[in-house]
């Protein structure tokens, strides 16, 4: 589902419609909430794992402070992988990478990086909630984190999205 074949033109990366993006974010919101919930339980019982999450968060802050967008993109992916791994949920570790968030981000990057979560405060809120060790608070923060992206994307023009 990543590539579309267009007659007489060849292959191109599929353009997500607004509905595709909304549905993708529905899934990512639940998955990240679940990951944050599990990571909170792990971080509460393991000082080492809490330290690992803080290390990945520090990598985000460093890239952000240096205004290094490429470094931030890599640090963000590492951070999300860390949260998912700390969840301890093997099925979630299998499903999360399959969400085609990268396609959405590349497609919408030309619109002021609207699909790229780059606000360090978004990540600070999520990290802080996980480190409290409160699974309910962490899940809510994970879902809210995705909600920030959803809000930014809702303001984009229809030209940002593929046609049905």
Foldseek 3Di string as FASTA:
>chain_A
DQWDQDPPPGIDGDWAAPVNVVVLLVVQLQLLLLLLLLLLQLLVVDVVLLVVLVVLLVQLVVCLVVVPVVSNVVSVVVNSLSSNVSSVDVVSNVPVVVRVLVSLQVLQVVVVSLSDPNPSVLVVCLSVQSNVSHSVSNSVSSSVSSVSSVVSVVPDDSVSTDDD
